[in-house]
Amino acid sequence: NIGLKKSSSDLAHYDTGMSRMFQEVMERNTNIFYARWTP
């Protein structure tokens, strides 16, 4: 909650349809996968 309150990002929530480019970058560089999101 501390991080989210101080966030200056463009998103009010994470939406894979709105930021597929970030998802692609994550999958290409990491062993981390997207788990959930709450609209």
Full PDB file with SEQRES, HELIX, SHEET, SSBOND, CRYST1, ORIGX, SCALE, CONECT and MASTER records, all heavy atoms in Angstrom:
SEQRES   1 A   39  ASN ILE GLY LEU LYS LYS SER SER SER ASP LEU ALA HIS          
SEQRES   2 A   39  TYR ASP THR GLY MET SER ARG MET PHE GLN GLU VAL MET          
SEQRES   3 A   39  GLU ARG ASN THR ASN ILE PHE TYR ALA ARG TRP THR PRO          
HELIX    1 AA1 ILE A    2  LYS A    5  1                                   4    
HELIX    2 AA2 ARG A   20  ASN A   29  1                                  10    
CRYST1    1.000    1.000    1.000  90.00  90.00  90.00 P 1           1          
ORIGX1      1.000000  0.000000  0.000000        0.00000                         
ORIGX2      0.000000  1.000000  0.000000        0.00000                         
ORIGX3      0.000000  0.000000  1.000000        0.00000                         
SCALE1      1.000000  0.000000  0.000000        0.00000                         
SCALE2      0.000000  1.000000  0.000000        0.00000                         
SCALE3      0.000000  0.000000  1.000000        0.00000                         
ATOM      1  N   ASN A   1       0.820  -1.209   0.000  1.00  0.00           N  
ATOM      2  CA  ASN A   1       0.000   0.000   0.000  1.00  0.00           C  
ATOM      3  C   ASN A   1       0.859   1.266   0.000  1.00  0.00           C  
ATOM      4  O   ASN A   1       0.507   2.266  -0.636  1.00  0.00           O  
ATOM      5  CB  ASN A   1      -0.939   0.014   1.208  1.00  0.00           C  
ATOM      6  CG  ASN A   1      -2.085  -0.967   1.065  1.00  0.00           C  
ATOM      7  OD1 ASN A   1      -2.436  -1.346  -0.051  1.00  0.00           O  
ATOM      8  ND2 ASN A   1      -2.662  -1.379   2.180  1.00  0.00           N  
ATOM      9  N   ILE A   2       1.990   1.218   0.701  1.00  0.00           N  
ATOM     10  CA  ILE A   2       2.894   2.374   0.692  1.00  0.00           C  
ATOM     11  C   ILE A   2       3.380   2.643  -0.734  1.00  0.00           C  
ATOM     12  O   ILE A   2       3.351   3.777  -1.224  1.00  0.00           O  
ATOM     13  CB  ILE A   2       4.098   2.130   1.629  1.00  0.00           C  
ATOM     14  CG1 ILE A   2       3.635   2.153   3.087  1.00  0.00           C  
ATOM     15  CG2 ILE A   2       5.181   3.184   1.402  1.00  0.00           C  
ATOM     16  CD1 ILE A   2       4.730   1.785   4.075  1.00  0.00           C  
ATOM     17  N   GLY A   3       3.821   1.575  -1.394  1.00  0.00           N  
ATOM     18  CA  GLY A   3       4.301   1.736  -2.759  1.00  0.00           C  
ATOM     19  C   GLY A   3       3.213   2.185  -3.713  1.00  0.00           C  
ATOM     20  O   GLY A   3       3.436   3.045  -4.570  1.00  0.00           O  
ATOM     21  N   LEU A   4       2.024   1.630  -3.558  1.00  0.00           N  
ATOM     22  CA  LEU A   4       0.927   1.980  -4.449  1.00  0.00           C  
ATOM     23  C   LEU A   4       0.478   3.426  -4.262  1.00  0.00           C  
ATOM     24  O   LEU A   4       0.161   4.122  -5.218  1.00  0.00           O  
ATOM     25  CB  LEU A   4      -0.247   1.020  -4.211  1.00  0.00           C  
ATOM     26  CG  LEU A   4       0.018  -0.443  -4.566  1.00  0.00           C  
ATOM     27  CD1 LEU A   4      -1.133  -1.318  -4.113  1.00  0.00           C  
ATOM     28  CD2 LEU A   4       0.263  -0.606  -6.050  1.00  0.00           C  
ATOM     29  N   LYS A   5       0.456   3.889  -3.015  1.00  0.00           N  
ATOM     30  CA  LYS A   5       0.058   5.273  -2.758  1.00  0.00           C  
ATOM     31  C   LYS A   5       1.061   6.267  -3.334  1.00  0.00           C  
ATOM     32  O   LYS A   5       0.693   7.367  -3.753  1.00  0.00           O  
ATOM     33  CB  LYS A   5      -0.094   5.494  -1.254  1.00  0.00           C  
ATOM     34  CG  LYS A   5      -1.318   4.836  -0.649  1.00  0.00           C  
ATOM     35  CD  LYS A   5      -1.389   5.048   0.857  1.00  0.00           C  
ATOM     36  CE  LYS A   5      -2.608   4.377   1.458  1.00  0.00           C  
ATOM     37  NZ  LYS A   5      -2.660   4.532   2.935  1.00  0.00           N  
ATOM     38  N   LYS A   6       2.334   5.886  -3.337  1.00  0.00           N  
ATOM     39  CA  LYS A   6       3.369   6.791  -3.840  1.00  0.00           C  
ATOM     40  C   LYS A   6       3.638   6.604  -5.330  1.00  0.00           C  
ATOM     41  O   LYS A   6       4.474   7.304  -5.899  1.00  0.00           O  
ATOM     42  CB  LYS A   6       4.659   6.600  -3.046  1.00  0.00           C  
ATOM     43  CG  LYS A   6       4.528   7.001  -1.582  1.00  0.00           C  
ATOM     44  CD  LYS A   6       5.851   6.906  -0.848  1.00  0.00           C  
ATOM     45  CE  LYS A   6       5.704   7.384   0.586  1.00  0.00           C  
ATOM     46  NZ  LYS A   6       6.986   7.338   1.335  1.00  0.00           N  
ATOM     47  N   SER A   7       2.929   5.683  -5.940  1.00  0.00           N  
ATOM     48  CA  SER A   7       3.130   5.406  -7.354  1.00  0.00           C  
ATOM     49  C   SER A   7       2.721   6.594  -8.207  1.00  0.00           C  
ATOM     50  O   SER A   7       1.738   7.285  -7.931  1.00  0.00           O  
ATOM     51  CB  SER A   7       2.310   4.182  -7.753  1.00  0.00           C  
ATOM     52  OG  SER A   7       2.215   4.075  -9.157  1.00  0.00           O  
ATOM     53  N   SER A   8       3.478   6.832  -9.251  1.00  0.00           N  
ATOM     54  CA  SER A   8       3.127   7.885 -10.213  1.00  0.00           C  
ATOM     55  C   SER A   8       2.884   7.278 -11.590  1.00  0.00           C  
ATOM     56  O   SER A   8       3.050   7.936 -12.612  1.00  0.00           O  
ATOM     57  CB  SER A   8       4.250   8.923 -10.303  1.00  0.00           C  
ATOM     58  OG  SER A   8       5.459   8.328 -10.753  1.00  0.00           O  
ATOM     59  N   SER A   9       2.475   6.013 -11.625  1.00  0.00           N  
ATOM     60  CA  SER A   9       2.290   5.323 -12.896  1.00  0.00           C  
ATOM     61  C   SER A   9       1.006   5.782 -13.572  1.00  0.00           C  
ATOM     62  O   SER A   9       0.169   6.471 -12.989  1.00  0.00           O  
ATOM     63  CB  SER A   9       2.240   3.809 -12.678  1.00  0.00           C  
ATOM     64  OG  SER A   9       1.041   3.455 -12.016  1.00  0.00           O  
ATOM     65  N   ASP A  10       0.845   5.357 -14.843  1.00  0.00           N  
ATOM     66  CA  ASP A  10      -0.321   5.734 -15.630  1.00  0.00           C  
ATOM     67  C   ASP A  10      -1.531   4.861 -15.320  1.00  0.00           C  
ATOM     68  O   ASP A  10      -2.635   5.178 -15.736  1.00  0.00           O  
ATOM     69  CB  ASP A  10      -0.006   5.598 -17.128  1.00  0.00           C  
ATOM     70  CG  ASP A  10       1.079   6.562 -17.568  1.00  0.00           C  
ATOM     71  OD1 ASP A  10       1.022   7.722 -17.142  1.00  0.00           O  
ATOM     72  OD2 ASP A  10       1.977   6.155 -18.308  1.00  0.00           O  
ATOM     73  N   LEU A  11      -1.324   3.742 -14.650  1.00  0.00           N  
ATOM     74  CA  LEU A  11      -2.406   2.784 -14.466  1.00  0.00           C  
ATOM     75  C   LEU A  11      -3.041   2.890 -13.094  1.00  0.00           C  
ATOM     76  O   LEU A  11      -2.356   3.053 -12.097  1.00  0.00           O  
ATOM     77  CB  LEU A  11      -1.886   1.359 -14.646  1.00  0.00           C  
ATOM     78  CG  LEU A  11      -1.353   0.997 -16.035  1.00  0.00           C  
ATOM     79  CD1 LEU A  11      -0.805  -0.411 -16.008  1.00  0.00           C  
ATOM     80  CD2 LEU A  11      -2.433   1.131 -17.066  1.00  0.00           C  
ATOM     81  N   ALA A  12      -4.371   2.789 -13.045  1.00  0.00           N  
ATOM     82  CA  ALA A  12      -5.056   2.669 -11.769  1.00  0.00           C  
ATOM     83  C   ALA A  12      -5.070   1.216 -11.316  1.00  0.00           C  
ATOM     84  O   ALA A  12      -5.310   0.926 -10.167  1.00  0.00           O  
ATOM     85  CB  ALA A  12      -6.484   3.175 -11.884  1.00  0.00           C  
ATOM     86  N   HIS A  13      -4.829   0.314 -12.253  1.00  0.00           N  
ATOM     87  CA  HIS A  13      -4.640  -1.101 -11.931  1.00  0.00           C  
ATOM     88  C   HIS A  13      -3.848  -1.715 -13.075  1.00  0.00           C  
ATOM     89  O   HIS A  13      -3.743  -1.135 -14.147  1.00  0.00           O  
ATOM     90  CB  HIS A  13      -5.980  -1.822 -11.758  1.00  0.00           C  
ATOM     91  CG  HIS A  13      -6.861  -1.744 -12.962  1.00  0.00           C  
ATOM     92  ND1 HIS A  13      -7.746  -0.712 -13.157  1.00  0.00           N  
ATOM     93  CD2 HIS A  13      -6.965  -2.550 -14.048  1.00  0.00           C  
ATOM     94  CE1 HIS A  13      -8.377  -0.889 -14.301  1.00  0.00           C  
ATOM     95  NE2 HIS A  13      -7.925  -1.988 -14.872  1.00  0.00           N  
ATOM     96  N   TYR A  14      -3.317  -2.885 -12.852  1.00  0.00           N  
ATOM     97  CA  TYR A  14      -2.553  -3.534 -13.922  1.00  0.00           C  
ATOM     98  C   TYR A  14      -3.514  -4.306 -14.807  1.00  0.00           C  
ATOM     99  O   TYR A  14      -4.300  -5.122 -14.336  1.00  0.00           O  
ATOM    100  CB  TYR A  14      -1.487  -4.475 -13.361  1.00  0.00           C  
ATOM    101  CG  TYR A  14      -0.638  -5.029 -14.481  1.00  0.00           C  
ATOM    102  CD1 TYR A  14       0.415  -4.283 -14.979  1.00  0.00           C  
ATOM    103  CD2 TYR A  14      -0.947  -6.238 -15.084  1.00  0.00           C  
ATOM    104  CE1 TYR A  14       1.163  -4.739 -16.042  1.00  0.00           C  
ATOM    105  CE2 TYR A  14      -0.211  -6.706 -16.140  1.00  0.00           C  
ATOM    106  CZ  TYR A  14       0.848  -5.955 -16.616  1.00  0.00           C  
ATOM    107  OH  TYR A  14       1.565  -6.409 -17.674  1.00  0.00           O  
ATOM    108  N   ASP A  15      -3.449  -4.053 -16.087  1.00  0.00           N  
ATOM    109  CA  ASP A  15      -4.340  -4.697 -17.048  1.00  0.00           C  
ATOM    110  C   ASP A  15      -3.465  -5.240 -18.172  1.00  0.00           C  
ATOM    111  O   ASP A  15      -2.831  -4.472 -18.892  1.00  0.00           O  
ATOM    112  CB  ASP A  15      -5.338  -3.673 -17.576  1.00  0.00           C  
ATOM    113  CG  ASP A  15      -6.345  -4.278 -18.541  1.00  0.00           C  
ATOM    114  OD1 ASP A  15      -6.076  -5.366 -19.071  1.00  0.00           O  
ATOM    115  OD2 ASP A  15      -7.391  -3.652 -18.757  1.00  0.00           O  
ATOM    116  N   THR A  16      -3.417  -6.551 -18.344  1.00  0.00           N  
ATOM    117  CA  THR A  16      -2.540  -7.126 -19.358  1.00  0.00           C  
ATOM    118  C   THR A  16      -2.924  -6.665 -20.752  1.00  0.00           C  
ATOM    119  O   THR A  16      -2.097  -6.618 -21.650  1.00  0.00           O  
ATOM    120  CB  THR A  16      -2.580  -8.661 -19.303  1.00  0.00           C  
ATOM    121  OG1 THR A  16      -3.946  -9.090 -19.376  1.00  0.00           O  
ATOM    122  CG2 THR A  16      -1.963  -9.169 -18.030  1.00  0.00           C  
ATOM    123  N   GLY A  17      -4.185  -6.309 -20.961  1.00  0.00           N  
ATOM    124  CA  GLY A  17      -4.588  -5.814 -22.262  1.00  0.00           C  
ATOM    125  C   GLY A  17      -4.073  -4.420 -22.537  1.00  0.00           C  
ATOM    126  O   GLY A  17      -3.952  -4.004 -23.688  1.00  0.00           O  
ATOM    127  N   MET A  18      -3.778  -3.656 -21.493  1.00  0.00           N  
ATOM    128  CA  MET A  18      -3.323  -2.281 -21.664  1.00  0.00           C  
ATOM    129  C   MET A  18      -1.818  -2.165 -21.684  1.00  0.00           C  
ATOM    130  O   MET A  18      -1.271  -1.171 -22.135  1.00  0.00           O  
ATOM    131  CB  MET A  18      -3.871  -1.404 -20.530  1.00  0.00           C  
ATOM    132  CG  MET A  18      -5.377  -1.220 -20.552  1.00  0.00           C  
ATOM    133  SD  MET A  18      -5.955  -0.247 -19.153  1.00  0.00           S  
ATOM    134  CE  MET A  18      -5.213   1.344 -19.498  1.00  0.00           C  
ATOM    135  N   SER A  19      -1.111  -3.174 -21.196  1.00  0.00           N  
ATOM    136  CA  SER A  19       0.342  -3.072 -21.153  1.00  0.00           C  
ATOM    137  C   SER A  19       0.995  -4.391 -21.545  1.00  0.00           C  
ATOM    138  O   SER A  19       1.801  -4.938 -20.831  1.00  0.00           O  
ATOM    139  CB  SER A  19       0.806  -2.642 -19.764  1.00  0.00           C  
ATOM    140  OG  SER A  19       2.173  -2.327 -19.784  1.00  0.00           O  
ATOM    141  N   ARG A  20       0.615  -4.885 -22.699  1.00  0.00           N  
ATOM    142  CA  ARG A  20       1.180  -6.149 -23.152  1.00  0.00           C  
ATOM    143  C   ARG A  20       2.667  -6.018 -23.451  1.00  0.00           C  
ATOM    144  O   ARG A  20       3.407  -6.982 -23.376  1.00  0.00           O  
ATOM    145  CB  ARG A  20       0.422  -6.641 -24.385  1.00  0.00           C  
ATOM    146  CG  ARG A  20      -0.986  -7.150 -24.056  1.00  0.00           C  
ATOM    147  CD  ARG A  20      -1.712  -7.566 -25.298  1.00  0.00           C  
ATOM    148  NE  ARG A  20      -1.997  -6.420 -26.145  1.00  0.00           N  
ATOM    149  CZ  ARG A  20      -2.510  -6.524 -27.364  1.00  0.00           C  
ATOM    150  NH1 ARG A  20      -2.753  -7.702 -27.874  1.00  0.00           N  
ATOM    151  NH2 ARG A  20      -2.768  -5.455 -28.074  1.00  0.00           N  
ATOM    152  N   MET A  21       3.098  -4.795 -23.804  1.00  0.00           N  
ATOM    153  CA  MET A  21       4.514  -4.602 -24.076  1.00  0.00           C  
ATOM    154  C   MET A  21       5.331  -4.886 -22.826  1.00  0.00           C  
ATOM    155  O   MET A  21       6.377  -5.531 -22.886  1.00  0.00           O  
ATOM    156  CB  MET A  21       4.771  -3.176 -24.567  1.00  0.00           C  
ATOM    157  CG  MET A  21       6.231  -2.885 -24.869  1.00  0.00           C  
ATOM    158  SD  MET A  21       6.908  -3.928 -26.173  1.00  0.00           S  
ATOM    159  CE  MET A  21       6.104  -3.203 -27.604  1.00  0.00           C  
ATOM    160  N   PHE A  22       4.867  -4.418 -21.653  1.00  0.00           N  
ATOM    161  CA  PHE A  22       5.585  -4.679 -20.409  1.00  0.00           C  
ATOM    162  C   PHE A  22       5.609  -6.170 -20.113  1.00  0.00           C  
ATOM    163  O   PHE A  22       6.617  -6.721 -19.686  1.00  0.00           O  
ATOM    164  CB  PHE A  22       4.943  -3.918 -19.255  1.00  0.00           C  
ATOM    165  CG  PHE A  22       5.646  -4.113 -17.937  1.00  0.00           C  
ATOM    166  CD1 PHE A  22       6.897  -3.553 -17.717  1.00  0.00           C  
ATOM    167  CD2 PHE A  22       5.079  -4.854 -16.927  1.00  0.00           C  
ATOM    168  CE1 PHE A  22       7.570  -3.741 -16.519  1.00  0.00           C  
ATOM    169  CE2 PHE A  22       5.739  -5.042 -15.722  1.00  0.00           C  
ATOM    170  CZ  PHE A  22       6.977  -4.480 -15.513  1.00  0.00           C  
ATOM    171  N   GLN A  23       4.486  -6.834 -20.333  1.00  0.00           N  
ATOM    172  CA  GLN A  23       4.435  -8.279 -20.107  1.00  0.00           C  
ATOM    173  C   GLN A  23       5.453  -8.991 -20.988  1.00  0.00           C  
ATOM    174  O   GLN A  23       6.169  -9.899 -20.553  1.00  0.00           O  
ATOM    175  CB  GLN A  23       3.033  -8.794 -20.415  1.00  0.00           C  
ATOM    176  CG  GLN A  23       2.914 -10.310 -20.353  1.00  0.00           C  
ATOM    177  CD  GLN A  23       1.840 -10.771 -19.395  1.00  0.00           C  
ATOM    178  OE1 GLN A  23       1.160  -9.986 -18.764  1.00  0.00           O  
ATOM    179  NE2 GLN A  23       1.691 -12.063 -19.275  1.00  0.00           N  
ATOM    180  N   GLU A  24       5.541  -8.583 -22.252  1.00  0.00           N  
ATOM    181  CA  GLU A  24       6.487  -9.205 -23.173  1.00  0.00           C  
ATOM    182  C   GLU A  24       7.924  -8.990 -22.708  1.00  0.00           C  
ATOM    183  O   GLU A  24       8.746  -9.906 -22.749  1.00  0.00           O  
ATOM    184  CB  GLU A  24       6.306  -8.614 -24.574  1.00  0.00           C  
ATOM    185  CG  GLU A  24       7.271  -9.179 -25.600  1.00  0.00           C  
ATOM    186  CD  GLU A  24       7.117  -8.498 -26.948  1.00  0.00           C  
ATOM    187  OE1 GLU A  24       5.971  -8.136 -27.292  1.00  0.00           O  
ATOM    188  OE2 GLU A  24       8.129  -8.326 -27.645  1.00  0.00           O  
ATOM    189  N   VAL A  25       8.229  -7.783 -22.245  1.00  0.00           N  
ATOM    190  CA  VAL A  25       9.577  -7.480 -21.768  1.00  0.00           C  
ATOM    191  C   VAL A  25       9.901  -8.329 -20.535  1.00  0.00           C  
ATOM    192  O   VAL A  25      11.000  -8.848 -20.397  1.00  0.00           O  
ATOM    193  CB  VAL A  25       9.716  -5.983 -21.449  1.00  0.00           C  
ATOM    194  CG1 VAL A  25      11.014  -5.696 -20.697  1.00  0.00           C  
ATOM    195  CG2 VAL A  25       9.674  -5.169 -22.734  1.00  0.00           C  
ATOM    196  N   MET A  26       8.943  -8.462 -19.631  1.00  0.00           N  
ATOM    197  CA  MET A  26       9.162  -9.263 -18.429  1.00  0.00           C  
ATOM    198  C   MET A  26       9.437 -10.718 -18.791  1.00  0.00           C  
ATOM    199  O   MET A  26      10.358 -11.340 -18.269  1.00  0.00           O  
ATOM    200  CB  MET A  26       7.937  -9.174 -17.515  1.00  0.00           C  
ATOM    201  CG  MET A  26       7.750  -7.825 -16.847  1.00  0.00           C  
ATOM    202  SD  MET A  26       9.027  -7.487 -15.611  1.00  0.00           S  
ATOM    203  CE  MET A  26       8.579  -8.674 -14.355  1.00  0.00           C  
ATOM    204  N   GLU A  27       8.637 -11.266 -19.698  1.00  0.00           N  
ATOM    205  CA  GLU A  27       8.796 -12.671 -20.062  1.00  0.00           C  
ATOM    206  C   GLU A  27      10.128 -12.919 -20.764  1.00  0.00           C  
ATOM    207  O   GLU A  27      10.709 -13.995 -20.633  1.00  0.00           O  
ATOM    208  CB  GLU A  27       7.632 -13.092 -20.957  1.00  0.00           C  
ATOM    209  CG  GLU A  27       6.296 -13.155 -20.211  1.00  0.00           C  
ATOM    210  CD  GLU A  27       5.131 -13.434 -21.135  1.00  0.00           C  
ATOM    211  OE1 GLU A  27       5.337 -13.405 -22.379  1.00  0.00           O  
ATOM    212  OE2 GLU A  27       4.023 -13.663 -20.638  1.00  0.00           O  
ATOM    213  N   ARG A  28      10.603 -11.920 -21.510  1.00  0.00           N  
ATOM    214  CA  ARG A  28      11.845 -12.088 -22.246  1.00  0.00           C  
ATOM    215  C   ARG A  28      13.064 -12.015 -21.335  1.00  0.00           C  
ATOM    216  O   ARG A  28      14.088 -12.632 -21.609  1.00  0.00           O  
ATOM    217  CB  ARG A  28      11.928 -11.014 -23.334  1.00  0.00           C  
ATOM    218  CG  ARG A  28      13.171 -11.108 -24.200  1.00  0.00           C  
ATOM    219  CD  ARG A  28      13.046 -10.326 -25.487  1.00  0.00           C  
ATOM    220  NE  ARG A  28      12.685  -8.934 -25.279  1.00  0.00           N  
ATOM    221  CZ  ARG A  28      11.528  -8.395 -25.614  1.00  0.00           C  
ATOM    222  NH1 ARG A  28      10.584  -9.142 -26.159  1.00  0.00           N  
ATOM    223  NH2 ARG A  28      11.271  -7.117 -25.416  1.00  0.00           N  
ATOM    224  N   ASN A  29      12.973 -11.268 -20.246  1.00  0.00           N  
ATOM    225  CA  ASN A  29      14.139 -11.011 -19.403  1.00  0.00           C  
ATOM    226  C   ASN A  29      14.134 -11.731 -18.062  1.00  0.00           C  
ATOM    227  O   ASN A  29      15.167 -11.803 -17.402  1.00  0.00           O  
ATOM    228  CB  ASN A  29      14.261  -9.507 -19.126  1.00  0.00           C  
ATOM    229  CG  ASN A  29      14.687  -8.724 -20.340  1.00  0.00           C  
ATOM    230  OD1 ASN A  29      15.850  -8.690 -20.694  1.00  0.00           O  
ATOM    231  ND2 ASN A  29      13.723  -8.102 -21.006  1.00  0.00           N  
ATOM    232  N   THR A  30      13.002 -12.244 -17.652  1.00  0.00           N  
ATOM    233  CA  THR A  30      12.912 -12.778 -16.294  1.00  0.00           C  
ATOM    234  C   THR A  30      12.259 -14.146 -16.259  1.00  0.00           C  
ATOM    235  O   THR A  30      11.678 -14.613 -17.236  1.00  0.00           O  
ATOM    236  CB  THR A  30      12.088 -11.839 -15.381  1.00  0.00           C  
ATOM    237  OG1 THR A  30      10.688 -12.000 -15.679  1.00  0.00           O  
ATOM    238  CG2 THR A  30      12.476 -10.391 -15.568  1.00  0.00           C  
ATOM    239  N   ASN A  31      12.324 -14.744 -15.100  1.00  0.00           N  
ATOM    240  CA  ASN A  31      11.596 -15.981 -14.812  1.00  0.00           C  
ATOM    241  C   ASN A  31      10.432 -15.644 -13.881  1.00  0.00           C  
ATOM    242  O   ASN A  31      10.134 -16.339 -12.934  1.00  0.00           O  
ATOM    243  CB  ASN A  31      12.529 -17.004 -14.163  1.00  0.00           C  
ATOM    244  CG  ASN A  31      11.916 -18.396 -14.162  1.00  0.00           C  
ATOM    245  OD1 ASN A  31      11.057 -18.702 -14.984  1.00  0.00           O  
ATOM    246  ND2 ASN A  31      12.341 -19.227 -13.236  1.00  0.00           N  
ATOM    247  N   ILE A  32       9.811 -14.530 -14.183  1.00  0.00           N  
ATOM    248  CA  ILE A  32       8.693 -14.028 -13.378  1.00  0.00           C  
ATOM    249  C   ILE A  32       7.451 -14.036 -14.254  1.00  0.00           C  
ATOM    250  O   ILE A  32       7.505 -13.658 -15.410  1.00  0.00           O  
ATOM    251  CB  ILE A  32       8.971 -12.586 -12.893  1.00  0.00           C  
ATOM    252  CG1 ILE A  32      10.253 -12.543 -12.054  1.00  0.00           C  
ATOM    253  CG2 ILE A  32       7.801 -12.031 -12.104  1.00  0.00           C  
ATOM    254  CD1 ILE A  32      10.732 -11.146 -11.742  1.00  0.00           C  
ATOM    255  N   PHE A  33       6.341 -14.515 -13.728  1.00  0.00           N  
ATOM    256  CA  PHE A  33       5.140 -14.489 -14.543  1.00  0.00           C  
ATOM    257  C   PHE A  33       4.021 -13.761 -13.807  1.00  0.00           C  
ATOM    258  O   PHE A  33       3.978 -13.702 -12.584  1.00  0.00           O  
ATOM    259  CB  PHE A  33       4.695 -15.905 -14.924  1.00  0.00           C  
ATOM    260  CG  PHE A  33       3.969 -16.649 -13.818  1.00  0.00           C  
ATOM    261  CD1 PHE A  33       2.591 -16.645 -13.766  1.00  0.00           C  
ATOM    262  CD2 PHE A  33       4.674 -17.360 -12.857  1.00  0.00           C  
ATOM    263  CE1 PHE A  33       1.923 -17.328 -12.766  1.00  0.00           C  
ATOM    264  CE2 PHE A  33       4.016 -18.051 -11.857  1.00  0.00           C  
ATOM    265  CZ  PHE A  33       2.632 -18.036 -11.801  1.00  0.00           C  
ATOM    266  N   TYR A  34       3.099 -13.199 -14.600  1.00  0.00           N  
ATOM    267  CA  TYR A  34       1.979 -12.432 -14.068  1.00  0.00           C  
ATOM    268  C   TYR A  34       1.002 -13.362 -13.373  1.00  0.00           C  
ATOM    269  O   TYR A  34       0.611 -14.381 -13.919  1.00  0.00           O  
ATOM    270  CB  TYR A  34       1.307 -11.693 -15.221  1.00  0.00           C  
ATOM    271  CG  TYR A  34       0.038 -10.998 -14.860  1.00  0.00           C  
ATOM    272  CD1 TYR A  34       0.057  -9.863 -14.055  1.00  0.00           C  
ATOM    273  CD2 TYR A  34      -1.180 -11.478 -15.314  1.00  0.00           C  
ATOM    274  CE1 TYR A  34      -1.108  -9.225 -13.722  1.00  0.00           C  
ATOM    275  CE2 TYR A  34      -2.350 -10.837 -14.989  1.00  0.00           C  
ATOM    276  CZ  TYR A  34      -2.318  -9.716 -14.201  1.00  0.00           C  
ATOM    277  OH  TYR A  34      -3.479  -9.083 -13.867  1.00  0.00           O  
ATOM    278  N   ALA A  35       0.620 -13.021 -12.154  1.00  0.00           N  
ATOM    279  CA  ALA A  35      -0.202 -13.924 -11.358  1.00  0.00           C  
ATOM    280  C   ALA A  35      -1.661 -13.493 -11.263  1.00  0.00           C  
ATOM    281  O   ALA A  35      -2.556 -14.294 -11.415  1.00  0.00           O  
ATOM    282  CB  ALA A  35       0.375 -14.046  -9.953  1.00  0.00           C  
ATOM    283  N   ARG A  36      -1.924 -12.225 -11.014  1.00  0.00           N  
ATOM    284  CA  ARG A  36      -3.316 -11.817 -10.805  1.00  0.00           C  
ATOM    285  C   ARG A  36      -3.426 -10.311 -10.982  1.00  0.00           C  
ATOM    286  O   ARG A  36      -2.449  -9.597 -10.939  1.00  0.00           O  
ATOM    287  CB  ARG A  36      -3.786 -12.188  -9.387  1.00  0.00           C  
ATOM    288  CG  ARG A  36      -3.024 -11.418  -8.314  1.00  0.00           C  
ATOM    289  CD  ARG A  36      -3.522 -11.742  -6.916  1.00  0.00           C  
ATOM    290  NE  ARG A  36      -2.663 -11.183  -5.897  1.00  0.00           N  
ATOM    291  CZ  ARG A  36      -2.714  -9.930  -5.462  1.00  0.00           C  
ATOM    292  NH1 ARG A  36      -3.594  -9.105  -5.963  1.00  0.00           N  
ATOM    293  NH2 ARG A  36      -1.895  -9.507  -4.528  1.00  0.00           N  
ATOM    294  N   TRP A  37      -4.639  -9.847 -11.171  1.00  0.00           N  
ATOM    295  CA  TRP A  37      -4.868  -8.411 -11.076  1.00  0.00           C  
ATOM    296  C   TRP A  37      -6.298  -8.163 -10.652  1.00  0.00           C  
ATOM    297  O   TRP A  37      -7.198  -8.936 -10.964  1.00  0.00           O  
ATOM    298  CB  TRP A  37      -4.534  -7.676 -12.374  1.00  0.00           C  
ATOM    299  CG  TRP A  37      -5.440  -7.933 -13.540  1.00  0.00           C  
ATOM    300  CD1 TRP A  37      -5.351  -8.957 -14.432  1.00  0.00           C  
ATOM    301  CD2 TRP A  37      -6.552  -7.140 -13.956  1.00  0.00           C  
ATOM    302  NE1 TRP A  37      -6.313  -8.859 -15.373  1.00  0.00           N  
ATOM    303  CE2 TRP A  37      -7.081  -7.759 -15.121  1.00  0.00           C  
ATOM    304  CE3 TRP A  37      -7.146  -5.980 -13.480  1.00  0.00           C  
ATOM    305  CZ2 TRP A  37      -8.181  -7.254 -15.798  1.00  0.00           C  
ATOM    306  CZ3 TRP A  37      -8.241  -5.472 -14.155  1.00  0.00           C  
ATOM    307  CH2 TRP A  37      -8.743  -6.111 -15.299  1.00  0.00           C  
ATOM    308  N   THR A  38      -6.523  -7.129  -9.917  1.00  0.00           N  
ATOM    309  CA  THR A  38      -7.832  -6.808  -9.385  1.00  0.00           C  
ATOM    310  C   THR A  38      -8.303  -5.482  -9.952  1.00  0.00           C  
ATOM    311  O   THR A  38      -7.715  -4.441  -9.646  1.00  0.00           O  
ATOM    312  CB  THR A  38      -7.796  -6.703  -7.843  1.00  0.00           C  
ATOM    313  OG1 THR A  38      -7.293  -7.928  -7.323  1.00  0.00           O  
ATOM    314  CG2 THR A  38      -9.180  -6.435  -7.284  1.00  0.00           C  
ATOM    315  N   PRO A  39      -9.324  -5.470 -10.806  1.00  0.00           N  
ATOM    316  CA  PRO A  39      -9.800  -4.197 -11.363  1.00  0.00           C  
ATOM    317  C   PRO A  39     -10.522  -3.378 -10.298  1.00  0.00           C  
ATOM    318  O   PRO A  39     -11.541  -3.786  -9.764  1.00  0.00           O  
ATOM    319  CB  PRO A  39     -10.763  -4.640 -12.462  1.00  0.00           C  
ATOM    320  CG  PRO A  39     -11.217  -5.995 -12.054  1.00  0.00           C  
ATOM    321  CD  PRO A  39     -10.075  -6.618 -11.298  1.00  0.00           C  
TER     322      PRO A  39                                                      
MASTER        0    0    0    2    0    0    0    6  321    1    0    3          
END                                                                             
